[in-house]
Amino acid sequence: MRATGDELAGVVDLFGALTRQELSAALTEVAFKQGAAVDDAAVTDAIDTAIKRYVLVEYIPASTDSDHADTAPLLTVGPTAFPTLPPNAEDLPHILDYETRAVDRDRLAEQVRARLAADADAAVAAADADRAAALLDISYDLEAWAAVETDEIRASLSAVLPQD
């Protein structure tokens, strides 16, 4: 089974947030329903790629959040996602015994902004113009997705981009 980042986001969106293990199990269930084989390495790569592209983002619950205390990071829909359900995924909430989770949107937005800043710093340090250009686009998506400012991040990224 091959799933796009937006399809991964669609599965996550059904539940609000999932652990990596839960998302992998959900994709295995979808593959079974489609009569397709599951390649665990391909699933891991698809999740990693979706995270790198900000289609999925990790959410670290607050230690005071009793619903999520001491849990693994949760994956939730990111600022570049257009969640779409893969074929045969609509019944997952009835098949899988996963709770529907809500995340603190303000906390999530700050975590994603901090990650974008760190990724931008790495792209600037490496003088990686391609990654800087991708992150610049993501900065605009992030501002549309959440109430955060990314002007400073954009300024640092622009320094790496070729000037016309």
Protein backbone atom coordinates (compact mmCIF):
# COMPACT_ATOMS: atom_id res chain seq x y z
CA MET A 1 0.00 0.00 0.00
CA ARG A 2 1.23 3.46 -0.88
CA ALA A 3 -0.29 6.46 0.84
CA THR A 4 0.35 10.12 0.17
CA GLY A 5 1.15 12.56 2.95
CA ASP A 6 -2.35 14.02 2.60
CA GLU A 7 -3.82 10.53 2.99
CA LEU A 8 -1.77 10.03 6.16
CA ALA A 9 -3.13 13.37 7.37
CA GLY A 10 -6.65 12.21 6.51
CA VAL A 11 -6.25 9.12 8.68
CA VAL A 12 -4.81 11.18 11.55
CA ASP A 13 -7.61 13.72 11.17
CA LEU A 14 -10.20 10.99 11.82
CA PHE A 15 -8.84 10.73 15.37
CA GLY A 16 -7.45 14.21 16.01
CA ALA A 17 -3.98 12.87 16.82
CA LEU A 18 -2.27 9.47 16.77
CA THR A 19 1.01 8.00 17.91
CA ARG A 20 3.31 6.71 15.17
CA GLN A 21 2.43 3.16 16.20
CA GLU A 22 -1.30 3.87 15.97
CA LEU A 23 -0.92 5.48 12.55
CA SER A 24 1.10 2.51 11.31
CA ALA A 25 -1.56 0.11 12.59
CA ALA A 26 -4.30 2.18 10.95
CA LEU A 27 -2.43 2.07 7.63
CA THR A 28 -2.05 -1.69 7.99
CA GLU A 29 -5.82 -1.95 8.47
CA VAL A 30 -6.46 0.20 5.39
CA ALA A 31 -4.08 -1.95 3.35
CA PHE A 32 -5.89 -5.09 4.52
CA LYS A 33 -9.23 -3.58 3.48
CA GLN A 34 -7.72 -2.73 0.08
CA GLY A 35 -6.24 -6.20 -0.32
CA ALA A 36 -2.76 -4.69 -0.49
CA ALA A 37 0.48 -5.68 1.19
CA VAL A 38 2.09 -3.50 3.83
CA ASP A 39 5.76 -2.61 3.66
CA ASP A 40 6.68 -1.44 7.17
CA ALA A 41 9.76 0.41 5.90
CA ALA A 42 7.64 2.24 3.31
CA VAL A 43 5.13 3.23 5.99
CA THR A 44 7.94 4.56 8.19
CA ASP A 45 9.40 6.47 5.24
CA ALA A 46 5.98 7.93 4.34
CA ILE A 47 5.46 9.14 7.92
CA ASP A 48 8.98 10.61 8.08
CA THR A 49 8.49 12.39 4.74
CA ALA A 50 5.12 13.79 5.85
CA ILE A 51 6.75 15.13 9.01
CA LYS A 52 9.68 16.65 7.09
CA ARG A 53 7.22 18.42 4.78
CA TYR A 54 5.02 19.61 7.69
CA VAL A 55 2.04 17.61 6.41
CA LEU A 56 2.10 15.89 9.80
CA VAL A 57 3.56 17.54 12.87
CA GLU A 58 4.51 16.15 16.25
CA TYR A 59 2.68 17.41 19.30
CA ILE A 60 4.25 17.05 22.73
CA PRO A 61 1.47 17.21 25.35
CA ALA A 62 2.09 19.32 28.44
CA SER A 63 3.22 17.32 31.45
CA THR A 64 0.22 18.76 33.30
CA ASP A 65 -2.19 17.39 30.71
CA SER A 66 -3.55 14.34 32.52
CA ASP A 67 -5.11 12.94 29.34
CA HIS A 68 -1.76 12.72 27.58
CA ALA A 69 0.82 12.75 30.39
CA ASP A 70 3.76 10.42 29.85
CA THR A 71 2.71 9.50 26.31
CA ALA A 72 4.74 9.37 23.15
CA PRO A 73 4.58 12.40 20.91
CA LEU A 74 1.36 12.53 18.95
CA LEU A 75 1.13 13.15 15.23
CA THR A 76 -1.46 15.62 14.08
CA VAL A 77 -2.36 17.39 10.86
CA GLY A 78 0.21 20.02 9.92
CA PRO A 79 0.06 23.37 8.15
CA THR A 80 0.83 22.04 4.65
CA ALA A 81 -1.71 19.22 4.73
CA PHE A 82 -4.85 18.81 2.68
CA PRO A 83 -6.27 15.78 4.54
CA THR A 84 -7.78 13.20 2.23
CA LEU A 85 -8.95 9.75 3.21
CA PRO A 86 -7.39 6.85 1.34
CA PRO A 87 -9.88 4.37 -0.13
CA ASN A 88 -11.54 2.17 2.51
CA ALA A 89 -10.40 4.31 5.46
CA GLU A 90 -13.75 5.81 6.43
CA ASP A 91 -14.57 2.92 8.79
CA LEU A 92 -11.33 3.13 10.79
CA PRO A 93 -12.97 4.83 13.81
CA HIS A 94 -15.39 1.88 14.02
CA ILE A 95 -12.68 -0.75 13.58
CA LEU A 96 -9.86 0.63 15.72
CA ASP A 97 -10.35 1.25 19.41
CA TYR A 98 -8.53 4.60 19.45
CA GLU A 99 -9.72 7.54 21.43
CA THR A 100 -10.40 10.80 19.65
CA ARG A 101 -7.82 13.28 20.87
CA ALA A 102 -7.89 17.04 20.98
CA VAL A 103 -4.65 18.99 21.08
CA ASP A 104 -4.01 22.41 22.53
CA ARG A 105 -3.82 24.42 19.29
CA ASP A 106 -1.82 27.28 20.84
CA ARG A 107 0.73 24.86 22.27
CA LEU A 108 0.89 22.98 18.97
CA ALA A 109 1.38 26.22 17.02
CA GLU A 110 4.29 27.26 19.23
CA GLN A 111 5.88 23.81 18.93
CA VAL A 112 5.61 23.91 15.15
CA ARG A 113 6.98 27.46 15.04
CA ALA A 114 9.96 26.40 17.20
CA ARG A 115 10.61 23.45 14.92
CA LEU A 116 10.43 25.69 11.84
CA ALA A 117 12.93 28.07 13.44
CA ALA A 118 15.31 25.17 14.17
CA ASP A 119 14.91 23.76 10.66
CA ALA A 120 15.55 27.25 9.23
CA ASP A 121 18.69 27.63 11.34
CA ALA A 122 19.96 24.28 10.02
CA ALA A 123 19.19 25.22 6.40
CA VAL A 124 20.95 28.58 6.80
CA ALA A 125 23.98 26.98 8.48
CA ALA A 126 24.23 24.46 5.64
CA ALA A 127 23.56 27.13 3.00
CA ASP A 128 20.89 24.76 1.65
CA ALA A 129 18.92 26.98 -0.74
CA ASP A 130 16.48 24.23 -1.72
CA ARG A 131 15.51 23.47 1.87
CA ALA A 132 15.39 27.20 2.66
CA ALA A 133 12.96 27.76 -0.23
CA ALA A 134 10.74 24.90 0.98
CA LEU A 135 10.81 26.24 4.54
CA LEU A 136 9.99 29.73 3.31
CA ASP A 137 6.82 28.37 1.70
CA ILE A 138 6.02 26.47 4.89
CA SER A 139 6.38 29.67 6.92
CA TYR A 140 3.49 31.22 4.99
CA ASP A 141 1.40 28.07 5.44
CA LEU A 142 2.13 28.13 9.16
CA GLU A 143 0.95 31.72 9.55
CA ALA A 144 -2.30 30.88 7.73
CA TRP A 145 -2.75 27.74 9.86
CA ALA A 146 -2.05 29.27 13.28
CA ALA A 147 -1.69 32.61 15.00
CA VAL A 148 2.11 32.80 14.92
CA GLU A 149 4.62 35.22 13.44
CA THR A 150 7.37 33.93 11.17
CA ASP A 151 8.80 37.18 9.79
CA GLU A 152 12.13 36.65 11.56
CA ILE A 153 12.37 33.10 10.27
CA ARG A 154 11.60 34.25 6.72
CA ALA A 155 14.28 36.93 6.94
CA SER A 156 16.91 34.38 7.92
CA LEU A 157 15.83 32.01 5.13
CA SER A 158 15.84 34.77 2.52
CA ALA A 159 19.54 35.37 3.17
CA VAL A 160 20.29 31.88 1.78
CA LEU A 161 18.14 32.19 -1.33
CA PRO A 162 19.61 33.36 -4.62
CA GLN A 163 18.79 37.00 -5.34
CA ASP A 164 17.32 37.80 -8.74
